[in-house]
Amino acid sequence: ARKQRAAAAGAIEAIVAAMQAHPQVAGVQEDGCGALANVCSGDDAAALARKQRAAAAGAIEAIVAAMQAHPQVAEVQEEGCAALVNVCSGADGAGRARKQRAANVGGIEAVVAALQAHPQVAGVQQNGCLALGNVCCGSDAAAFARKQRAADAGGIEVAVAALQAHPQHAGVQ
């Protein structure tokens, strides 16, 4: 109910606007990605509507831009990956479009870069692997192209490295 109230009050658009206004402030990007991950979590009809509202507001582009602007800030990478997981989830046509939009703006490469830059940070590894799996999910031609794009970017190697580096972390496994 709180997520829905926040969305109805314009929180999604305000978060994206703050991220766009302060692209070089890592704390704003970290908190913005975290807030988007939170408000876009869930898989009921209301959550799917929030994910779509976030996409319409430019959240996918803002998340990827944050990750690209702060590659060495593990917290931005961890929250950015979590935000991509939640904003891009959904198996309906709109969900598939959000996955493709993330790929189109460099989301796959940003996630692979995060995984490569922070191999010992379990949260980045967990959320990054989830983000890759989510954005590449599907069985249509576009999904197969996203899977190939992830493989070409080094996604297979970083996923295996994550599993090997964090054998005791259930979330990574």
N, C-alpha and C. Protein backbone atom coordinates (compact mmCIF):
# COMPACT_ATOMS: atom_id res chain seq x y z
N ALA A 1 0.83 -1.20 0.00
CA ALA A 1 0.00 0.00 0.00
C ALA A 1 0.87 1.26 0.00
N ARG A 2 1.99 1.21 0.76
CA ARG A 2 2.87 2.40 0.79
C ARG A 2 3.52 2.63 -0.56
N LYS A 3 3.90 1.57 -1.24
CA LYS A 3 4.51 1.73 -2.56
C LYS A 3 3.52 2.37 -3.52
N GLN A 4 2.26 1.95 -3.42
CA GLN A 4 1.24 2.49 -4.29
C GLN A 4 0.97 3.95 -3.97
N ARG A 5 0.95 4.28 -2.69
CA ARG A 5 0.75 5.68 -2.28
C ARG A 5 1.90 6.55 -2.76
N ALA A 6 3.12 6.03 -2.66
CA ALA A 6 4.29 6.78 -3.12
C ALA A 6 4.20 7.03 -4.62
N ALA A 7 3.85 5.98 -5.37
CA ALA A 7 3.72 6.14 -6.82
C ALA A 7 2.63 7.15 -7.16
N ALA A 8 1.50 7.04 -6.49
CA ALA A 8 0.39 7.95 -6.77
C ALA A 8 0.77 9.41 -6.46
N ALA A 9 1.65 9.60 -5.50
CA ALA A 9 2.08 10.95 -5.13
C ALA A 9 3.15 11.51 -6.07
N GLY A 10 3.60 10.70 -7.02
CA GLY A 10 4.60 11.17 -7.97
C GLY A 10 6.03 10.83 -7.59
N ALA A 11 6.21 9.90 -6.66
CA ALA A 11 7.56 9.58 -6.19
C ALA A 11 8.46 9.05 -7.30
N ILE A 12 7.91 8.21 -8.18
CA ILE A 12 8.75 7.62 -9.23
C ILE A 12 9.35 8.72 -10.10
N GLU A 13 8.51 9.64 -10.53
CA GLU A 13 8.99 10.73 -11.37
C GLU A 13 9.97 11.62 -10.62
N ALA A 14 9.72 11.85 -9.33
CA ALA A 14 10.62 12.68 -8.53
C ALA A 14 11.99 12.01 -8.36
N ILE A 15 11.99 10.70 -8.18
CA ILE A 15 13.25 9.97 -8.05
C ILE A 15 14.06 10.09 -9.33
N VAL A 16 13.41 9.83 -10.46
CA VAL A 16 14.12 9.91 -11.74
C VAL A 16 14.63 11.33 -11.98
N ALA A 17 13.83 12.33 -11.65
CA ALA A 17 14.25 13.73 -11.83
C ALA A 17 15.47 14.04 -10.98
N ALA A 18 15.50 13.56 -9.75
CA ALA A 18 16.66 13.79 -8.87
C ALA A 18 17.90 13.12 -9.44
N MET A 19 17.74 11.90 -9.94
CA MET A 19 18.89 11.20 -10.54
C MET A 19 19.40 11.95 -11.77
N GLN A 20 18.48 12.46 -12.57
CA GLN A 20 18.88 13.21 -13.76
C GLN A 20 19.52 14.55 -13.42
N ALA A 21 19.08 15.16 -12.33
CA ALA A 21 19.60 16.47 -11.93
C ALA A 21 20.98 16.39 -11.28
N HIS A 22 21.32 15.23 -10.72
CA HIS A 22 22.58 15.08 -9.98
C HIS A 22 23.34 13.83 -10.42
N PRO A 23 23.68 13.75 -11.71
CA PRO A 23 24.29 12.50 -12.23
C PRO A 23 25.65 12.17 -11.62
N GLN A 24 26.38 13.17 -11.15
CA GLN A 24 27.72 12.91 -10.62
C GLN A 24 27.76 12.72 -9.11
N VAL A 25 26.60 12.76 -8.45
CA VAL A 25 26.55 12.58 -7.00
C VAL A 25 26.19 11.11 -6.72
N ALA A 26 27.20 10.36 -6.34
CA ALA A 26 27.02 8.91 -6.17
C ALA A 26 25.92 8.60 -5.16
N GLY A 27 25.84 9.36 -4.08
CA GLY A 27 24.82 9.10 -3.07
C GLY A 27 23.40 9.25 -3.60
N VAL A 28 23.20 10.25 -4.44
CA VAL A 28 21.88 10.43 -5.05
C VAL A 28 21.57 9.25 -5.96
N GLN A 29 22.57 8.81 -6.71
CA GLN A 29 22.36 7.69 -7.64
C GLN A 29 22.09 6.39 -6.87
N GLU A 30 22.86 6.15 -5.82
CA GLU A 30 22.65 4.95 -5.00
C GLU A 30 21.25 4.95 -4.40
N ASP A 31 20.87 6.05 -3.76
CA ASP A 31 19.57 6.12 -3.12
C ASP A 31 18.44 6.08 -4.15
N GLY A 32 18.64 6.73 -5.28
CA GLY A 32 17.63 6.71 -6.34
C GLY A 32 17.41 5.31 -6.87
N CYS A 33 18.50 4.59 -7.13
CA CYS A 33 18.37 3.21 -7.60
C CYS A 33 17.70 2.35 -6.54
N GLY A 34 18.08 2.53 -5.28
CA GLY A 34 17.47 1.77 -4.20
C GLY A 34 15.99 2.05 -4.07
N ALA A 35 15.61 3.31 -4.20
CA ALA A 35 14.20 3.67 -4.10
C ALA A 35 13.41 3.09 -5.27
N LEU A 36 13.98 3.13 -6.47
CA LEU A 36 13.29 2.54 -7.63
C LEU A 36 13.15 1.03 -7.46
N ALA A 37 14.21 0.39 -6.95
CA ALA A 37 14.13 -1.05 -6.71
C ALA A 37 12.99 -1.36 -5.74
N ASN A 38 12.88 -0.54 -4.71
CA ASN A 38 11.85 -0.76 -3.69
C ASN A 38 10.45 -0.55 -4.26
N VAL A 39 10.21 0.60 -4.86
CA VAL A 39 8.86 0.93 -5.31
C VAL A 39 8.41 0.04 -6.47
N CYS A 40 9.36 -0.54 -7.20
CA CYS A 40 9.03 -1.38 -8.35
C CYS A 40 9.07 -2.87 -8.02
N SER A 41 9.20 -3.22 -6.74
CA SER A 41 9.19 -4.64 -6.39
C SER A 41 7.76 -5.16 -6.39
N GLY A 42 7.65 -6.47 -6.54
CA GLY A 42 6.34 -7.11 -6.54
C GLY A 42 5.94 -7.56 -7.93
N ASP A 43 4.91 -8.42 -7.99
CA ASP A 43 4.49 -8.92 -9.29
C ASP A 43 2.97 -8.92 -9.47
N ASP A 44 2.27 -8.21 -8.60
CA ASP A 44 0.82 -8.08 -8.79
C ASP A 44 0.54 -6.98 -9.81
N ALA A 45 -0.71 -6.79 -10.13
CA ALA A 45 -1.08 -5.82 -11.17
C ALA A 45 -0.61 -4.41 -10.82
N ALA A 46 -0.72 -4.04 -9.56
CA ALA A 46 -0.29 -2.70 -9.15
C ALA A 46 1.22 -2.54 -9.31
N ALA A 47 1.98 -3.59 -8.97
CA ALA A 47 3.44 -3.53 -9.12
C ALA A 47 3.81 -3.43 -10.59
N LEU A 48 3.13 -4.18 -11.45
CA LEU A 48 3.43 -4.10 -12.88
C LEU A 48 3.14 -2.70 -13.41
N ALA A 49 2.10 -2.08 -12.90
CA ALA A 49 1.79 -0.70 -13.31
C ALA A 49 2.89 0.26 -12.84
N ARG A 50 3.42 0.04 -11.64
CA ARG A 50 4.51 0.90 -11.14
C ARG A 50 5.76 0.71 -12.00
N LYS A 51 6.07 -0.51 -12.38
CA LYS A 51 7.23 -0.77 -13.25
C LYS A 51 7.07 -0.03 -14.57
N GLN A 52 5.86 -0.07 -15.12
CA GLN A 52 5.62 0.60 -16.39
C GLN A 52 5.69 2.11 -16.23
N ARG A 53 5.19 2.60 -15.11
CA ARG A 53 5.27 4.04 -14.84
C ARG A 53 6.73 4.47 -14.72
N ALA A 54 7.53 3.63 -14.06
CA ALA A 54 8.96 3.94 -13.92
C ALA A 54 9.63 4.00 -15.29
N ALA A 55 9.32 3.02 -16.13
CA ALA A 55 9.91 3.02 -17.47
C ALA A 55 9.50 4.27 -18.24
N ALA A 56 8.23 4.63 -18.15
CA ALA A 56 7.74 5.81 -18.85
C ALA A 56 8.43 7.08 -18.35
N ALA A 57 8.82 7.09 -17.09
CA ALA A 57 9.48 8.26 -16.51
C ALA A 57 10.97 8.33 -16.84
N GLY A 58 11.50 7.29 -17.48
CA GLY A 58 12.93 7.29 -17.82
C GLY A 58 13.80 6.59 -16.80
N ALA A 59 13.20 5.76 -15.95
CA ALA A 59 13.96 5.11 -14.89
C ALA A 59 15.04 4.17 -15.43
N ILE A 60 14.72 3.44 -16.48
CA ILE A 60 15.71 2.47 -17.01
C ILE A 60 16.96 3.21 -17.46
N GLU A 61 16.77 4.28 -18.20
CA GLU A 61 17.90 5.07 -18.66
C GLU A 61 18.65 5.69 -17.49
N ALA A 62 17.93 6.17 -16.47
CA ALA A 62 18.57 6.79 -15.30
C ALA A 62 19.40 5.76 -14.53
N ILE A 63 18.88 4.55 -14.40
CA ILE A 63 19.61 3.49 -13.68
C ILE A 63 20.90 3.15 -14.41
N VAL A 64 20.81 2.93 -15.70
CA VAL A 64 22.00 2.57 -16.48
C VAL A 64 23.00 3.72 -16.47
N ALA A 65 22.52 4.95 -16.59
CA ALA A 65 23.42 6.11 -16.54
C ALA A 65 24.14 6.18 -15.20
N ALA A 66 23.42 5.89 -14.12
CA ALA A 66 24.04 5.90 -12.78
C ALA A 66 25.16 4.87 -12.71
N MET A 67 24.88 3.68 -13.22
CA MET A 67 25.89 2.61 -13.18
C MET A 67 27.10 2.98 -14.04
N GLN A 68 26.85 3.61 -15.18
CA GLN A 68 27.95 4.00 -16.06
C GLN A 68 28.76 5.16 -15.48
N ALA A 69 28.11 6.05 -14.75
CA ALA A 69 28.80 7.21 -14.19
C ALA A 69 29.63 6.88 -12.96
N HIS A 70 29.29 5.79 -12.27
CA HIS A 70 29.95 5.44 -11.00
C HIS A 70 30.38 3.98 -10.98
N PRO A 71 31.22 3.58 -11.93
CA PRO A 71 31.57 2.15 -12.04
C PRO A 71 32.33 1.60 -10.84
N GLN A 72 33.04 2.44 -10.12
CA GLN A 72 33.83 1.95 -8.99
C GLN A 72 33.12 2.06 -7.65
N VAL A 73 31.88 2.54 -7.65
CA VAL A 73 31.12 2.67 -6.41
C VAL A 73 30.23 1.44 -6.29
N ALA A 74 30.66 0.50 -5.46
CA ALA A 74 29.95 -0.79 -5.35
C ALA A 74 28.49 -0.61 -4.97
N GLU A 75 28.21 0.36 -4.10
CA GLU A 75 26.83 0.54 -3.65
C GLU A 75 25.92 0.99 -4.79
N VAL A 76 26.42 1.85 -5.68
CA VAL A 76 25.63 2.25 -6.84
C VAL A 76 25.39 1.04 -7.74
N GLN A 77 26.42 0.23 -7.92
CA GLN A 77 26.29 -0.94 -8.78
C GLN A 77 25.30 -1.96 -8.19
N GLU A 78 25.39 -2.18 -6.89
CA GLU A 78 24.49 -3.13 -6.23
C GLU A 78 23.03 -2.68 -6.34
N GLU A 79 22.79 -1.41 -6.02
CA GLU A 79 21.42 -0.88 -6.08
C GLU A 79 20.94 -0.74 -7.53
N GLY A 80 21.85 -0.39 -8.42
CA GLY A 80 21.47 -0.29 -9.84
C GLY A 80 21.04 -1.64 -10.40
N CYS A 81 21.79 -2.67 -10.07
CA CYS A 81 21.42 -4.02 -10.52
C CYS A 81 20.07 -4.42 -9.93
N ALA A 82 19.86 -4.13 -8.65
CA ALA A 82 18.58 -4.46 -8.01
C ALA A 82 17.43 -3.71 -8.68
N ALA A 83 17.67 -2.45 -9.02
CA ALA A 83 16.63 -1.66 -9.68
C ALA A 83 16.30 -2.24 -11.05
N LEU A 84 17.32 -2.65 -11.80
CA LEU A 84 17.05 -3.26 -13.11
C LEU A 84 16.26 -4.56 -12.95
N VAL A 85 16.61 -5.34 -11.94
CA VAL A 85 15.86 -6.58 -11.70
C VAL A 85 14.37 -6.26 -11.56
N ASN A 86 14.05 -5.31 -10.70
CA ASN A 86 12.64 -5.04 -10.39
C ASN A 86 11.92 -4.27 -11.48
N VAL A 87 12.55 -3.26 -12.05
CA VAL A 87 11.88 -2.48 -13.09
C VAL A 87 11.65 -3.32 -14.33
N CYS A 88 12.58 -4.21 -14.64
CA CYS A 88 12.49 -4.97 -15.89
C CYS A 88 11.79 -6.32 -15.75
N SER A 89 11.29 -6.65 -14.56
CA SER A 89 10.61 -7.93 -14.43
C SER A 89 9.22 -7.85 -15.04
N GLY A 90 8.73 -9.01 -15.43
CA GLY A 90 7.41 -9.11 -16.06
C GLY A 90 7.51 -9.85 -17.37
N ALA A 91 6.62 -10.82 -17.56
CA ALA A 91 6.66 -11.66 -18.76
C ALA A 91 5.66 -11.22 -19.82
N ASP A 92 4.87 -10.20 -19.51
CA ASP A 92 3.91 -9.71 -20.49
C ASP A 92 4.62 -8.85 -21.54
N GLY A 93 3.90 -8.36 -22.50
CA GLY A 93 4.49 -7.56 -23.55
C GLY A 93 5.22 -6.34 -23.03
N ALA A 94 4.64 -5.69 -22.03
CA ALA A 94 5.28 -4.51 -21.45
C ALA A 94 6.58 -4.90 -20.74
N GLY A 95 6.58 -6.04 -20.05
CA GLY A 95 7.79 -6.53 -19.39
C GLY A 95 8.88 -6.84 -20.40
N ARG A 96 8.50 -7.48 -21.49
CA ARG A 96 9.49 -7.77 -22.54
C ARG A 96 10.05 -6.48 -23.14
N ALA A 97 9.19 -5.48 -23.28
CA ALA A 97 9.65 -4.19 -23.82
C ALA A 97 10.62 -3.52 -22.85
N ARG A 98 10.36 -3.63 -21.54
CA ARG A 98 11.28 -3.04 -20.56
C ARG A 98 12.64 -3.74 -20.61
N LYS A 99 12.65 -5.04 -20.73
CA LYS A 99 13.91 -5.80 -20.84
C LYS A 99 14.68 -5.32 -22.07
N GLN A 100 13.97 -5.18 -23.19
CA GLN A 100 14.62 -4.75 -24.42
C GLN A 100 15.13 -3.32 -24.31
N ARG A 101 14.37 -2.48 -23.65
CA ARG A 101 14.79 -1.09 -23.45
C ARG A 101 16.08 -1.04 -22.63
N ALA A 102 16.15 -1.87 -21.59
CA ALA A 102 17.38 -1.93 -20.79
C ALA A 102 18.56 -2.35 -21.65
N ALA A 103 18.35 -3.34 -22.49
CA ALA A 103 19.43 -3.78 -23.37
C ALA A 103 19.82 -2.67 -24.34
N ASN A 104 18.82 -2.00 -24.89
CA ASN A 104 19.08 -0.96 -25.89
C ASN A 104 19.91 0.19 -25.35
N VAL A 105 19.80 0.49 -24.05
CA VAL A 105 20.55 1.61 -23.47
C VAL A 105 21.84 1.17 -22.79
N GLY A 106 22.24 -0.08 -23.00
CA GLY A 106 23.52 -0.54 -22.46
C GLY A 106 23.44 -1.21 -21.10
N GLY A 107 22.24 -1.61 -20.69
CA GLY A 107 22.08 -2.23 -19.38
C GLY A 107 22.84 -3.53 -19.21
N ILE A 108 22.86 -4.35 -20.24
CA ILE A 108 23.57 -5.63 -20.14
C ILE A 108 25.05 -5.39 -19.90
N GLU A 109 25.62 -4.51 -20.68
CA GLU A 109 27.05 -4.21 -20.54
C GLU A 109 27.35 -3.54 -19.19
N ALA A 110 26.44 -2.70 -18.72
CA ALA A 110 26.64 -2.05 -17.42
C ALA A 110 26.64 -3.09 -16.30
N VAL A 111 25.76 -4.08 -16.38
CA VAL A 111 25.71 -5.12 -15.35
C VAL A 111 26.97 -5.98 -15.41
N VAL A 112 27.39 -6.36 -16.61
CA VAL A 112 28.62 -7.15 -16.73
C VAL A 112 29.81 -6.36 -16.18
N ALA A 113 29.87 -5.07 -16.47
CA ALA A 113 30.96 -4.24 -15.96
C ALA A 113 30.94 -4.19 -14.43
N ALA A 114 29.74 -4.12 -13.84
CA ALA A 114 29.61 -4.10 -12.38
C ALA A 114 30.13 -5.41 -11.80
N LEU A 115 29.76 -6.51 -12.41
CA LEU A 115 30.21 -7.82 -11.93
C LEU A 115 31.73 -7.94 -12.04
N GLN A 116 32.28 -7.42 -13.12
CA GLN A 116 33.74 -7.47 -13.31
C GLN A 116 34.47 -6.56 -12.33
N ALA A 117 33.90 -5.40 -12.04
CA ALA A 117 34.59 -4.42 -11.19
C ALA A 117 34.53 -4.76 -9.70
N HIS A 118 33.54 -5.56 -9.30
CA HIS A 118 33.33 -5.82 -7.87
C HIS A 118 33.17 -7.31 -7.60
N PRO A 119 34.19 -8.10 -7.95
CA PRO A 119 34.04 -9.57 -7.81
C PRO A 119 33.89 -10.06 -6.39
N GLN A 120 34.38 -9.30 -5.42
CA GLN A 120 34.31 -9.76 -4.03
C GLN A 120 33.12 -9.19 -3.26
N VAL A 121 32.29 -8.40 -3.90
CA VAL A 121 31.13 -7.81 -3.23
C VAL A 121 29.92 -8.69 -3.54
N ALA A 122 29.52 -9.47 -2.56
CA ALA A 122 28.47 -10.46 -2.77
C ALA A 122 27.16 -9.83 -3.24
N GLY A 123 26.82 -8.66 -2.71
CA GLY A 123 25.57 -8.01 -3.11
C GLY A 123 25.56 -7.62 -4.58
N VAL A 124 26.69 -7.14 -5.07
CA VAL A 124 26.80 -6.81 -6.50
C VAL A 124 26.68 -8.09 -7.31
N GLN A 125 27.35 -9.13 -6.87
CA GLN A 125 27.32 -10.39 -7.61
C GLN A 125 25.91 -10.97 -7.64
N GLN A 126 25.24 -10.97 -6.50
CA GLN A 126 23.88 -11.51 -6.45
C GLN A 126 22.94 -10.71 -7.35
N ASN A 127 22.91 -9.39 -7.13
CA ASN A 127 21.97 -8.57 -7.91
C ASN A 127 22.35 -8.51 -9.37
N GLY A 128 23.65 -8.53 -9.67
CA GLY A 128 24.08 -8.51 -11.07
C GLY A 128 23.67 -9.77 -11.81
N CYS A 129 23.86 -10.91 -11.18
CA CYS A 129 23.44 -12.17 -11.82
C CYS A 129 21.92 -12.20 -12.00
N LEU A 130 21.19 -11.72 -11.00
CA LEU A 130 19.73 -11.65 -11.14
C LEU A 130 19.33 -10.71 -12.28
N ALA A 131 20.02 -9.59 -12.37
CA ALA A 131 19.70 -8.62 -13.44
C ALA A 131 19.97 -9.21 -14.81
N LEU A 132 21.12 -9.87 -14.97
CA LEU A 132 21.41 -10.50 -16.26
C LEU A 132 20.35 -11.53 -16.61
N GLY A 133 20.01 -12.38 -15.63
CA GLY A 133 19.01 -13.41 -15.88
C GLY A 133 17.67 -12.82 -16.25
N ASN A 134 17.31 -11.75 -15.56
CA ASN A 134 16.01 -11.13 -15.80
C ASN A 134 15.97 -10.43 -17.16
N VAL A 135 16.95 -9.60 -17.45
CA VAL A 135 16.94 -8.86 -18.71
C VAL A 135 17.05 -9.80 -19.90
N CYS A 136 17.72 -10.93 -19.72
CA CYS A 136 17.90 -11.87 -20.83
C CYS A 136 16.81 -12.93 -20.91
N CYS A 137 15.89 -12.91 -19.97
CA CYS A 137 14.83 -13.92 -19.90
C CYS A 137 13.90 -13.81 -21.10
N GLY A 138 13.43 -14.97 -21.56
CA GLY A 138 12.45 -15.01 -22.64
C GLY A 138 12.86 -16.01 -23.70
N SER A 139 11.92 -16.32 -24.58
CA SER A 139 12.19 -17.30 -25.63
C SER A 139 11.92 -16.76 -27.02
N ASP A 140 11.63 -15.47 -27.12
CA ASP A 140 11.42 -14.87 -28.44
C ASP A 140 12.77 -14.47 -29.05
N ALA A 141 12.74 -14.04 -30.28
CA ALA A 141 13.99 -13.69 -30.99
C ALA A 141 14.75 -12.58 -30.27
N ALA A 142 14.03 -11.60 -29.76
CA ALA A 142 14.70 -10.50 -29.06
C ALA A 142 15.41 -11.00 -27.81
N ALA A 143 14.79 -11.94 -27.09
CA ALA A 143 15.42 -12.50 -25.89
C ALA A 143 16.68 -13.27 -26.26
N PHE A 144 16.63 -14.02 -27.34
CA PHE A 144 17.83 -14.74 -27.77
C PHE A 144 18.95 -13.77 -28.14
N ALA A 145 18.58 -12.66 -28.76
CA ALA A 145 19.58 -11.64 -29.09
C ALA A 145 20.16 -11.02 -27.83
N ARG A 146 19.33 -10.80 -26.81
CA ARG A 146 19.84 -10.26 -25.54
C ARG A 146 20.78 -11.26 -24.89
N LYS A 147 20.44 -12.54 -24.94
CA LYS A 147 21.32 -13.57 -24.37
C LYS A 147 22.66 -13.58 -25.09
N GLN A 148 22.63 -13.47 -26.41
CA GLN A 148 23.88 -13.42 -27.17
C GLN A 148 24.68 -12.18 -26.82
N ARG A 149 24.00 -11.07 -26.65
CA ARG A 149 24.66 -9.82 -26.28
C ARG A 149 25.35 -9.97 -24.93
N ALA A 150 24.66 -10.61 -23.98
CA ALA A 150 25.25 -10.84 -22.65
C ALA A 150 26.48 -11.74 -22.77
N ALA A 151 26.38 -12.78 -23.56
CA ALA A 151 27.52 -13.68 -23.75
C ALA A 151 28.68 -12.94 -24.39
N ASP A 152 28.40 -12.13 -25.40
CA ASP A 152 29.45 -11.37 -26.08
C ASP A 152 30.12 -10.37 -25.14
N ALA A 153 29.36 -9.86 -24.17
CA ALA A 153 29.90 -8.88 -23.21
C ALA A 153 30.71 -9.53 -22.09
N GLY A 154 30.70 -10.86 -22.03
CA GLY A 154 31.43 -11.55 -20.97
C GLY A 154 30.54 -12.02 -19.83
N GLY A 155 29.24 -12.05 -20.06
CA GLY A 155 28.30 -12.41 -19.01
C GLY A 155 28.45 -13.82 -18.48
N ILE A 156 28.77 -14.76 -19.35
CA ILE A 156 28.93 -16.15 -18.90
C ILE A 156 30.10 -16.25 -17.93
N GLU A 157 31.21 -15.66 -18.32
CA GLU A 157 32.41 -15.72 -17.48
C GLU A 157 32.21 -15.06 -16.12
N VAL A 158 31.54 -13.90 -16.10
CA VAL A 158 31.35 -13.23 -14.81
C VAL A 158 30.36 -13.98 -13.93
N ALA A 159 29.38 -14.62 -14.53
CA ALA A 159 28.43 -15.41 -13.74
C ALA A 159 29.13 -16.61 -13.11
N VAL A 160 29.97 -17.28 -13.87
CA VAL A 160 30.72 -18.42 -13.34
C VAL A 160 31.68 -17.94 -12.24
N ALA A 161 32.35 -16.82 -12.49
CA ALA A 161 33.27 -16.27 -11.50
C ALA A 161 32.53 -15.93 -10.20
N ALA A 162 31.32 -15.40 -10.31
CA ALA A 162 30.52 -15.07 -9.12
C ALA A 162 30.22 -16.33 -8.32
N LEU A 163 29.83 -17.38 -9.00
CA LEU A 163 29.54 -18.65 -8.32
C LEU A 163 30.78 -19.17 -7.60
N GLN A 164 31.92 -19.07 -8.26
CA GLN A 164 33.16 -19.59 -7.69
C GLN A 164 33.66 -18.72 -6.54
N ALA A 165 33.46 -17.41 -6.63
CA ALA A 165 33.98 -16.50 -5.60
C ALA A 165 33.13 -16.50 -4.33
N HIS A 166 31.88 -16.92 -4.44
CA HIS A 166 30.96 -16.83 -3.30
C HIS A 166 30.24 -18.16 -3.07
N PRO A 167 30.99 -19.23 -2.83
CA PRO A 167 30.33 -20.54 -2.69
C PRO A 167 29.44 -20.67 -1.47
N GLN A 168 29.67 -19.86 -0.45
CA GLN A 168 28.87 -19.95 0.78
C GLN A 168 27.72 -18.95 0.81
N HIS A 169 27.58 -18.14 -0.24
CA HIS A 169 26.53 -17.12 -0.27
C HIS A 169 25.34 -17.65 -1.07
N ALA A 170 24.29 -18.02 -0.37
CA ALA A 170 23.14 -18.65 -1.02
C ALA A 170 22.52 -17.75 -2.09
N GLY A 171 22.52 -16.44 -1.87
CA GLY A 171 21.94 -15.53 -2.85
C GLY A 171 22.69 -15.50 -4.16
N VAL A 172 24.00 -15.69 -4.11
CA VAL A 172 24.80 -15.73 -5.33
C VAL A 172 24.62 -17.08 -6.02
N GLN A 173 24.55 -18.13 -5.22
CA GLN A 173 24.41 -19.47 -5.79
C GLN A 173 23.07 -19.65 -6.48
